[in-house]
N, C-alpha and C. Protein backbone atom coordinates (compact mmCIF):
# COMPACT_ATOMS: atom_id res chain seq x y z
N MET A 1 -42.30 -253.54 92.68
CA MET A 1 -41.41 -252.54 92.02
C MET A 1 -42.29 -251.76 91.05
N VAL A 2 -43.16 -252.43 90.37
CA VAL A 2 -43.96 -251.89 89.30
C VAL A 2 -45.18 -251.09 90.03
N LYS A 3 -45.66 -251.66 91.04
CA LYS A 3 -46.77 -251.03 91.79
C LYS A 3 -46.48 -249.51 92.23
N GLU A 4 -45.34 -249.35 92.89
CA GLU A 4 -44.98 -248.00 93.30
C GLU A 4 -44.95 -246.96 92.19
N VAL A 5 -44.24 -247.33 91.03
CA VAL A 5 -44.14 -246.47 89.98
C VAL A 5 -45.56 -246.09 89.44
N ILE A 6 -46.40 -247.06 89.28
CA ILE A 6 -47.78 -246.84 88.79
C ILE A 6 -48.43 -245.90 89.76
N LEU A 7 -48.50 -246.20 91.09
CA LEU A 7 -49.35 -245.50 92.05
C LEU A 7 -48.71 -244.07 92.25
N GLN A 8 -47.36 -243.98 92.28
CA GLN A 8 -46.71 -242.64 92.61
C GLN A 8 -46.55 -241.83 91.33
N HIS A 9 -46.31 -242.38 90.18
CA HIS A 9 -45.95 -241.71 89.16
C HIS A 9 -46.89 -241.64 87.85
N GLY A 10 -47.83 -242.54 87.95
CA GLY A 10 -48.92 -242.74 86.93
C GLY A 10 -48.32 -243.38 85.56
N VAL A 11 -47.24 -244.13 85.75
CA VAL A 11 -46.55 -244.75 84.59
C VAL A 11 -46.51 -246.26 84.83
N TYR A 12 -47.04 -247.05 83.80
CA TYR A 12 -46.70 -248.43 83.85
C TYR A 12 -45.30 -248.62 83.18
N PRO A 13 -44.35 -249.05 83.97
CA PRO A 13 -42.97 -249.10 83.47
C PRO A 13 -42.43 -250.29 82.67
N MET A 14 -43.13 -251.31 82.77
CA MET A 14 -42.68 -252.53 82.06
C MET A 14 -42.68 -252.50 80.52
N THR A 15 -41.59 -252.65 79.91
CA THR A 15 -41.55 -252.65 78.42
C THR A 15 -42.28 -253.91 77.93
N ILE A 16 -43.46 -253.98 77.41
CA ILE A 16 -43.93 -255.14 76.94
C ILE A 16 -44.40 -255.02 75.52
N GLY A 17 -44.34 -253.82 74.98
CA GLY A 17 -44.70 -253.70 73.53
C GLY A 17 -46.13 -253.67 73.13
N SER A 18 -46.31 -253.94 71.78
CA SER A 18 -47.66 -253.89 71.27
C SER A 18 -48.09 -255.14 70.51
N LYS A 19 -47.14 -256.13 70.52
CA LYS A 19 -47.46 -257.43 69.97
C LYS A 19 -48.50 -258.24 70.84
N GLY A 20 -48.32 -258.15 72.13
CA GLY A 20 -49.13 -258.71 73.13
C GLY A 20 -48.39 -259.64 73.92
N VAL A 21 -48.75 -259.69 75.23
CA VAL A 21 -48.17 -260.56 76.19
C VAL A 21 -49.31 -261.31 77.03
N ALA A 22 -49.28 -262.61 77.11
CA ALA A 22 -50.34 -263.21 77.82
C ALA A 22 -49.91 -263.44 79.28
N MET A 23 -49.87 -262.49 80.03
CA MET A 23 -49.49 -262.43 81.25
C MET A 23 -50.15 -263.56 82.25
N VAL A 24 -49.37 -264.36 83.00
CA VAL A 24 -49.94 -265.51 83.64
C VAL A 24 -49.75 -265.04 85.17
N ASP A 25 -50.85 -265.20 85.90
CA ASP A 25 -50.81 -265.01 87.43
C ASP A 25 -50.07 -266.02 88.18
N THR A 26 -49.28 -265.69 89.14
CA THR A 26 -48.40 -266.57 89.86
C THR A 26 -49.24 -267.58 90.51
N ARG A 27 -50.49 -267.36 90.98
CA ARG A 27 -51.36 -268.34 91.56
C ARG A 27 -51.70 -269.52 90.57
N ASP A 28 -51.88 -269.11 89.30
CA ASP A 28 -52.16 -270.12 88.25
C ASP A 28 -50.95 -270.95 88.01
N ILE A 29 -49.75 -270.35 87.95
CA ILE A 29 -48.52 -271.02 87.85
C ILE A 29 -48.34 -272.06 88.96
N ALA A 30 -48.52 -271.72 90.22
CA ALA A 30 -48.31 -272.44 91.37
C ALA A 30 -49.30 -273.68 91.37
N GLU A 31 -50.65 -273.33 91.04
CA GLU A 31 -51.65 -274.46 91.00
C GLU A 31 -51.51 -275.49 89.85
N VAL A 32 -51.08 -274.97 88.62
CA VAL A 32 -50.79 -276.06 87.55
C VAL A 32 -49.57 -276.81 88.04
N ALA A 33 -48.59 -276.27 88.49
CA ALA A 33 -47.30 -276.99 88.94
C ALA A 33 -47.71 -278.05 89.89
N ALA A 34 -48.47 -277.61 90.84
CA ALA A 34 -48.80 -278.69 91.94
C ALA A 34 -49.67 -279.86 91.45
N LEU A 35 -50.67 -279.42 90.58
CA LEU A 35 -51.55 -280.35 89.95
C LEU A 35 -50.74 -281.39 89.19
N GLU A 36 -49.76 -280.85 88.31
CA GLU A 36 -48.98 -281.65 87.39
C GLU A 36 -48.01 -282.60 88.28
N LEU A 37 -47.37 -281.97 89.28
CA LEU A 37 -46.52 -282.85 90.03
C LEU A 37 -47.28 -284.01 90.82
N LEU A 38 -48.46 -283.68 91.21
CA LEU A 38 -49.28 -284.70 91.90
C LEU A 38 -49.70 -285.79 90.89
N ARG A 39 -50.06 -285.34 89.67
CA ARG A 39 -50.50 -286.31 88.60
C ARG A 39 -49.33 -287.17 88.23
N ARG A 40 -48.19 -286.75 88.16
CA ARG A 40 -47.07 -287.51 87.90
C ARG A 40 -46.62 -288.49 88.99
N ASP A 41 -46.75 -288.02 90.20
CA ASP A 41 -46.44 -288.69 91.41
C ASP A 41 -47.34 -290.00 91.52
N ARG A 42 -48.55 -289.62 91.15
CA ARG A 42 -49.58 -290.68 91.39
C ARG A 42 -49.77 -291.63 90.14
N ALA A 43 -49.15 -291.36 89.15
CA ALA A 43 -49.14 -292.23 87.89
C ALA A 43 -48.58 -293.57 88.13
N PRO A 44 -49.22 -294.56 87.55
CA PRO A 44 -48.68 -296.00 87.81
C PRO A 44 -47.35 -296.30 87.14
N GLU A 45 -46.96 -295.47 86.21
CA GLU A 45 -45.59 -295.51 85.59
C GLU A 45 -45.10 -294.23 85.24
N LYS A 46 -43.83 -294.10 84.93
CA LYS A 46 -43.26 -292.85 84.55
C LYS A 46 -43.98 -292.23 83.37
N LEU A 47 -44.22 -290.98 83.37
CA LEU A 47 -44.86 -290.27 82.31
C LEU A 47 -43.89 -289.64 81.36
N PRO A 48 -44.15 -289.45 80.07
CA PRO A 48 -43.29 -288.71 79.23
C PRO A 48 -43.10 -287.34 79.55
N ILE A 49 -41.97 -286.69 79.32
CA ILE A 49 -41.90 -285.34 79.51
C ILE A 49 -42.84 -284.48 78.52
N GLU A 50 -43.35 -283.45 78.97
CA GLU A 50 -44.20 -282.58 78.12
C GLU A 50 -44.05 -281.16 78.66
N THR A 51 -44.47 -280.27 77.72
CA THR A 51 -44.45 -278.92 77.89
C THR A 51 -45.84 -278.28 78.15
N ILE A 52 -45.94 -277.58 79.17
CA ILE A 52 -47.31 -276.87 79.43
C ILE A 52 -47.00 -275.51 79.43
N ASN A 53 -47.64 -274.75 78.41
CA ASN A 53 -47.50 -273.31 78.16
C ASN A 53 -48.33 -272.72 79.15
N LEU A 54 -47.75 -271.88 80.18
CA LEU A 54 -48.46 -271.08 81.03
C LEU A 54 -48.70 -269.80 80.52
N VAL A 55 -49.94 -269.44 80.44
CA VAL A 55 -50.46 -268.22 79.88
C VAL A 55 -51.58 -267.54 80.65
N GLY A 56 -51.85 -266.32 80.41
CA GLY A 56 -53.05 -265.67 81.10
C GLY A 56 -54.24 -265.75 80.10
N PRO A 57 -55.40 -265.18 80.65
CA PRO A 57 -56.55 -265.23 79.84
C PRO A 57 -56.70 -264.24 78.71
N ASP A 58 -55.83 -263.17 78.86
CA ASP A 58 -55.81 -262.09 78.04
C ASP A 58 -54.41 -261.74 77.46
N THR A 59 -54.33 -261.39 76.21
CA THR A 59 -53.14 -260.99 75.53
C THR A 59 -53.06 -259.44 75.60
N LEU A 60 -52.17 -258.89 76.28
CA LEU A 60 -52.13 -257.52 76.77
C LEU A 60 -50.97 -256.80 76.03
N THR A 61 -51.12 -255.49 75.80
CA THR A 61 -50.06 -254.64 75.35
C THR A 61 -49.75 -253.59 76.38
N GLY A 62 -48.61 -252.87 76.21
CA GLY A 62 -48.24 -251.89 77.11
C GLY A 62 -49.41 -250.99 77.41
N GLU A 63 -49.97 -250.49 76.24
CA GLU A 63 -51.14 -249.60 76.32
C GLU A 63 -52.41 -250.18 77.02
N SER A 64 -52.74 -251.31 76.72
CA SER A 64 -53.87 -252.01 77.36
C SER A 64 -53.73 -252.04 78.90
N VAL A 65 -52.47 -252.42 79.19
CA VAL A 65 -52.18 -252.65 80.68
C VAL A 65 -52.32 -251.31 81.38
N ALA A 66 -51.74 -250.18 80.66
CA ALA A 66 -51.94 -248.84 81.26
C ALA A 66 -53.45 -248.36 81.40
N ALA A 67 -54.24 -248.91 80.51
CA ALA A 67 -55.62 -248.56 80.48
C ALA A 67 -56.28 -249.27 81.58
N ILE A 68 -55.94 -250.51 81.91
CA ILE A 68 -56.46 -251.21 82.99
C ILE A 68 -56.20 -250.39 84.31
N TRP A 69 -54.93 -250.03 84.38
CA TRP A 69 -54.60 -249.34 85.63
C TRP A 69 -55.23 -247.97 85.72
N SER A 70 -55.47 -247.18 84.74
CA SER A 70 -56.31 -245.98 84.59
C SER A 70 -57.57 -246.19 85.13
N ASP A 71 -58.36 -247.28 84.60
CA ASP A 71 -59.60 -247.62 84.97
C ASP A 71 -59.72 -247.99 86.51
N VAL A 72 -58.84 -248.85 86.97
CA VAL A 72 -58.80 -249.40 88.40
C VAL A 72 -58.48 -248.12 89.36
N LEU A 73 -57.61 -247.23 88.96
CA LEU A 73 -57.27 -246.13 89.85
C LEU A 73 -58.20 -244.86 89.68
N GLY A 74 -58.94 -244.92 88.57
CA GLY A 74 -59.77 -243.72 88.25
C GLY A 74 -58.94 -242.41 87.91
N ARG A 75 -57.74 -242.53 87.44
CA ARG A 75 -56.82 -241.43 87.01
C ARG A 75 -55.92 -241.97 85.82
N PRO A 76 -55.46 -241.06 85.20
CA PRO A 76 -54.54 -241.48 83.96
C PRO A 76 -53.25 -242.26 84.41
N VAL A 77 -53.00 -243.38 83.80
CA VAL A 77 -51.73 -243.95 83.87
C VAL A 77 -51.31 -244.23 82.42
N VAL A 78 -50.04 -244.04 82.11
CA VAL A 78 -49.55 -243.99 80.69
C VAL A 78 -48.52 -245.16 80.68
N TYR A 79 -48.38 -245.68 79.46
CA TYR A 79 -47.36 -246.71 79.16
C TYR A 79 -45.99 -246.05 78.96
N GLY A 80 -44.94 -246.56 79.66
CA GLY A 80 -43.68 -246.01 79.71
C GLY A 80 -42.88 -246.15 78.38
N GLY A 81 -43.37 -246.89 77.53
CA GLY A 81 -42.74 -247.12 76.17
C GLY A 81 -41.92 -248.36 75.95
N ASP A 82 -41.53 -248.48 74.63
CA ASP A 82 -40.92 -249.71 74.15
C ASP A 82 -39.40 -249.70 74.19
N ASP A 83 -38.74 -248.80 74.93
CA ASP A 83 -37.33 -248.88 74.96
C ASP A 83 -36.72 -249.70 76.07
N PRO A 84 -36.21 -250.83 75.69
CA PRO A 84 -35.65 -251.79 76.62
C PRO A 84 -34.44 -251.40 77.29
N SER A 85 -33.71 -250.45 76.69
CA SER A 85 -32.47 -249.89 77.39
C SER A 85 -32.86 -248.95 78.45
N ALA A 86 -33.88 -248.12 78.28
CA ALA A 86 -34.31 -247.30 79.45
C ALA A 86 -34.87 -248.08 80.49
N PHE A 87 -35.65 -249.19 80.16
CA PHE A 87 -36.15 -249.97 81.14
C PHE A 87 -35.01 -250.64 82.03
N GLU A 88 -33.92 -251.12 81.39
CA GLU A 88 -32.77 -251.61 82.05
C GLU A 88 -32.17 -250.65 82.96
N GLN A 89 -32.00 -249.53 82.50
CA GLN A 89 -31.43 -248.47 83.28
C GLN A 89 -32.22 -248.16 84.55
N ASN A 90 -33.55 -248.08 84.45
CA ASN A 90 -34.38 -247.83 85.64
C ASN A 90 -34.37 -249.13 86.47
N MET A 91 -34.36 -250.33 86.07
CA MET A 91 -34.17 -251.54 86.88
C MET A 91 -32.95 -251.41 87.71
N ALA A 92 -31.76 -251.08 86.92
CA ALA A 92 -30.54 -251.23 87.62
C ALA A 92 -30.39 -250.28 88.86
N THR A 93 -31.32 -249.36 88.96
CA THR A 93 -31.21 -248.40 90.06
C THR A 93 -31.59 -249.11 91.53
N PHE A 94 -32.36 -250.29 91.37
CA PHE A 94 -32.72 -250.99 92.65
C PHE A 94 -32.42 -252.59 92.44
N LEU A 95 -32.10 -253.09 91.37
CA LEU A 95 -31.74 -254.44 91.17
C LEU A 95 -30.32 -254.63 90.79
N PRO A 96 -29.77 -255.84 91.02
CA PRO A 96 -28.36 -256.08 90.60
C PRO A 96 -28.41 -255.82 89.10
N ARG A 97 -27.19 -255.33 88.64
CA ARG A 97 -27.06 -255.12 87.09
C ARG A 97 -27.35 -256.26 86.21
N TRP A 98 -27.00 -257.46 86.72
CA TRP A 98 -27.21 -258.63 85.97
C TRP A 98 -28.67 -258.90 85.87
N THR A 99 -29.37 -258.64 86.78
CA THR A 99 -30.80 -258.90 86.81
C THR A 99 -31.50 -257.88 85.75
N ALA A 100 -31.06 -256.55 85.96
CA ALA A 100 -31.57 -255.58 85.10
C ALA A 100 -31.30 -255.90 83.53
N TYR A 101 -30.17 -256.50 83.36
CA TYR A 101 -29.84 -256.71 82.02
C TYR A 101 -30.67 -258.03 81.55
N GLU A 102 -30.95 -259.00 82.33
CA GLU A 102 -31.91 -260.01 81.99
C GLU A 102 -33.23 -259.57 81.73
N MET A 103 -33.76 -258.69 82.57
CA MET A 103 -35.06 -257.96 82.31
C MET A 103 -35.07 -257.34 81.08
N ARG A 104 -33.99 -256.61 80.65
CA ARG A 104 -34.00 -256.00 79.28
C ARG A 104 -34.10 -257.04 78.20
N LEU A 105 -33.34 -258.08 78.34
CA LEU A 105 -33.55 -259.12 77.28
C LEU A 105 -34.81 -259.59 77.08
N MET A 106 -35.51 -259.87 78.24
CA MET A 106 -36.86 -260.26 78.37
C MET A 106 -37.84 -259.23 77.63
N ALA A 107 -37.54 -257.96 77.92
CA ALA A 107 -38.39 -256.88 77.34
C ALA A 107 -38.15 -256.81 75.93
N GLU A 108 -37.01 -256.97 75.33
CA GLU A 108 -36.66 -256.91 73.95
C GLU A 108 -37.48 -257.98 73.22
N ARG A 109 -37.51 -259.07 73.75
CA ARG A 109 -38.30 -260.23 73.13
C ARG A 109 -39.82 -260.01 73.13
N TYR A 110 -40.30 -259.36 74.36
CA TYR A 110 -41.73 -259.03 74.32
C TYR A 110 -41.96 -258.07 73.20
N VAL A 111 -41.10 -256.99 73.04
CA VAL A 111 -41.39 -256.04 71.96
C VAL A 111 -41.28 -256.62 70.67
N SER A 112 -40.31 -257.39 70.35
CA SER A 112 -40.05 -257.84 69.01
C SER A 112 -41.12 -259.07 68.60
N ASP A 113 -41.46 -259.89 69.58
CA ASP A 113 -42.24 -261.15 69.27
C ASP A 113 -43.62 -261.29 70.08
N GLY A 114 -43.57 -260.48 71.17
CA GLY A 114 -44.74 -260.67 72.13
C GLY A 114 -44.63 -261.97 72.81
N MET A 115 -45.58 -262.39 73.46
CA MET A 115 -45.70 -263.70 74.10
C MET A 115 -47.13 -264.30 73.97
N ILE A 116 -47.32 -264.68 72.80
CA ILE A 116 -48.65 -265.04 72.34
C ILE A 116 -48.90 -266.57 72.61
N PRO A 117 -50.10 -266.87 73.19
CA PRO A 117 -50.48 -268.25 73.42
C PRO A 117 -50.57 -269.18 72.16
N ASP A 118 -50.27 -270.39 72.17
CA ASP A 118 -50.57 -271.21 71.01
C ASP A 118 -52.11 -271.54 71.10
N ASP A 119 -52.55 -271.94 70.06
CA ASP A 119 -53.95 -272.49 69.94
C ASP A 119 -54.27 -273.62 70.98
N GLY A 120 -55.11 -273.33 71.90
CA GLY A 120 -55.56 -274.38 72.88
C GLY A 120 -54.89 -274.24 74.22
N ASP A 121 -53.90 -273.39 74.31
CA ASP A 121 -53.27 -273.13 75.64
C ASP A 121 -54.07 -272.77 76.80
N ARG A 122 -54.86 -271.82 76.50
CA ARG A 122 -55.84 -271.28 77.58
C ARG A 122 -56.87 -272.43 77.89
N GLU A 123 -57.37 -272.93 76.97
CA GLU A 123 -58.43 -274.09 77.18
C GLU A 123 -57.76 -275.23 78.06
N ARG A 124 -56.60 -275.60 77.63
CA ARG A 124 -55.89 -276.66 78.46
C ARG A 124 -55.73 -276.26 79.91
N LEU A 125 -55.28 -275.09 80.16
CA LEU A 125 -55.07 -274.65 81.49
C LEU A 125 -56.49 -274.56 82.30
N THR A 126 -57.30 -274.00 81.71
CA THR A 126 -58.73 -273.87 82.24
C THR A 126 -59.40 -275.25 82.57
N ALA A 127 -59.08 -276.32 81.73
CA ALA A 127 -59.63 -277.61 81.98
C ALA A 127 -58.67 -278.25 83.15
N MET A 128 -57.47 -277.93 83.13
CA MET A 128 -56.46 -278.59 84.32
C MET A 128 -57.02 -277.94 85.45
N LEU A 129 -57.26 -276.68 85.68
CA LEU A 129 -57.56 -275.97 86.77
C LEU A 129 -59.01 -276.22 87.16
N GLY A 130 -59.97 -276.43 86.23
CA GLY A 130 -61.36 -276.59 86.57
C GLY A 130 -62.12 -275.15 86.95
N ARG A 131 -61.46 -274.15 86.37
CA ARG A 131 -61.95 -272.79 86.62
C ARG A 131 -61.21 -271.92 85.69
N PRO A 132 -61.67 -270.67 85.54
CA PRO A 132 -61.13 -269.64 84.66
C PRO A 132 -59.68 -269.24 85.18
N LEU A 133 -58.84 -268.83 84.23
CA LEU A 133 -57.62 -268.22 84.64
C LEU A 133 -57.72 -266.86 85.28
N HIS A 134 -56.82 -266.54 86.24
CA HIS A 134 -56.90 -265.12 86.72
C HIS A 134 -56.44 -264.12 85.91
N GLY A 135 -57.11 -263.01 85.73
CA GLY A 135 -56.83 -262.08 84.73
C GLY A 135 -56.03 -260.98 85.36
N TYR A 136 -55.33 -260.06 84.53
CA TYR A 136 -54.46 -259.18 85.04
C TYR A 136 -55.34 -257.95 85.80
N ARG A 137 -56.63 -257.75 85.29
CA ARG A 137 -57.27 -256.65 86.09
C ARG A 137 -57.60 -257.03 87.51
N GLU A 138 -57.78 -258.22 87.75
CA GLU A 138 -57.90 -258.76 89.03
C GLU A 138 -56.73 -258.48 90.02
N THR A 139 -55.53 -258.70 89.33
CA THR A 139 -54.33 -258.36 90.07
C THR A 139 -54.14 -256.98 90.29
N ALA A 140 -54.47 -256.04 89.28
CA ALA A 140 -54.46 -254.56 89.50
C ALA A 140 -55.22 -254.18 90.61
N VAL A 141 -56.52 -254.68 90.61
CA VAL A 141 -57.52 -254.26 91.74
C VAL A 141 -56.86 -254.62 93.06
N ALA A 142 -56.28 -255.83 93.14
CA ALA A 142 -55.70 -256.36 94.44
C ALA A 142 -54.59 -255.47 95.01
N LEU A 143 -53.69 -255.17 93.84
CA LEU A 143 -52.47 -254.40 94.23
C LEU A 143 -52.83 -252.90 94.58
N ALA A 144 -53.82 -252.35 93.95
CA ALA A 144 -54.26 -251.02 94.26
C ALA A 144 -54.91 -250.93 95.61
N ALA A 145 -55.43 -251.98 96.09
CA ALA A 145 -56.29 -251.98 97.25
C ALA A 145 -55.29 -252.29 98.50
N ALA A 146 -54.10 -252.92 98.22
CA ALA A 146 -53.24 -253.25 99.23
C ALA A 146 -52.37 -252.08 99.80
């Protein structure tokens, strides 16, 4: 849904604000989940519940994501702005209204608080995976090429 707006209209439409969002790649989510499930399954005894903060390698703003797309596409891409209501209205044109509403609530939180990793989150994930985290630029390049 985002790709088409970016490619056809030159606008990054996701309301993420200027505090910063550490976008995590779905491949990293899947791999961390698989590794942790296997670790728990293979443990000799039940392990305590713990939280693993899933984050990306970079903390991005709406403006910085638009700049990545501009660079990848070789043409201007602008950030659509910080209005979660407009974002919800746009989402409701092709998603169920309840989903659009939930997306707005998420966007409001990104604008007000961001999604900033805790100290050590990135290092923990990198150690678990045994490789660097996938960055947003890599995703943008792949989406633009597809």
